[in-house]
Amino acid sequence: LLVAAWRWLRGAARPVRGGSMRGKTVIITGANSGLGRAAAAELLRMQARVIMGCRDRARAERAAREIRAEVGERADGAGELVVRELDLASLRSVRAFCHRVLQEESRLDVLINNAGIFQCPYMKTEDGFEMQFGVNHLGHFLLTNLLLGLLKNSAPSRIVVVSSKLYKYGEINFEDLNSEISYNKSFCYSRSKLANLLFARELARRLEGTGVTVNSLHPGIVRTNLGRHVNIPLLAKPLFNLVSWAFFKTPLEGAQTSIYLASSPDVEGVSGKYFGDCKEEELLPKAMDDLVARKLWDISEVMVGLLK
């Protein structure tokens, strides 16, 4: 009963949402479930035009219908959900998605790099990259770079990068970025999240003076389907479900920092920072190493085909 009461009180104490997003266009990757879906619903409620970039179009369309039913249709037409196919494990798909956005959208105010894959067995993307590094880092790296022109033309605009506290267990091994020598699913996830932070830091440096801000965040431990590749013994599942219900964040709670960085006037002009629970936090030195960040950027440009 005490745990239930604490859980209810924590759920009631949500951060205040930002101002109206009417007239603004937002892209959210992985928006059909978990954090992305929660952020899409809230930003739609704030009257944004939300483009859901999702791998599974059928699931995304279903999620969009559910979100519209939850939020309700506005008579004045403010707020809109748009579903677009985007598979971050395919550079071809990323390029096709960006080409369509650039053809159809006159502006882009916020890009939320949210989608991710967590501790999967060793597998490769369509282009031969280790899956976690390929989806979590390289797919978003290409996506962001291809949309930078539109973001700059729409300035002031924002880029939000969803990382994880687990970055602290990762290292950038330039001799084996693709895990050809060895693979540890936990380490590789942490490495991809460290790469997110280094990417955000270097991108913020490159965008100084453009009116485009870049900030990263960790959402905390959230009850989503991100852990679908984690095997929990059958007998332990009831206990795990109880613990996750009691102590993990809901997707809406976990999405609050993404929503805050996408919409709040409090962070207007703020760039190159790292947030948790809507507050700025400190990073470990390895996530602020500018030499590593620049080298990772240069190698990533070659890996995704932006440079030969």
Foldseek 3Di string as FASTA:
>chain_A
DVLVVVLVVVVVDFDDFAAAQWPAEEEEEPLLWFLNVLLLLVNQLSQYAYEYEYQDQVSNVVSQVVSCVVSDQDPVRGGHYHYDYADLLDLVRLVVRLVVCVVPPQAHAEYELDDFAALAPFDHGPLGAGVRLSRLPLSVLSNCVSCVVRNLVRALHEYEREAAPLLVLEDDDVVCLRQPPHDDRSRNNSNSRLLSLLQQQVVQVVCPPSNYAGEYEYLFFEPICSCVRDDDDPVCVVVVVVCCSSPHHYSNSSNSLVSCRRGHPVCRVPHSFYDYSVDTDDDDVSSVPNVVSVVSSVVSCVSSVVDD
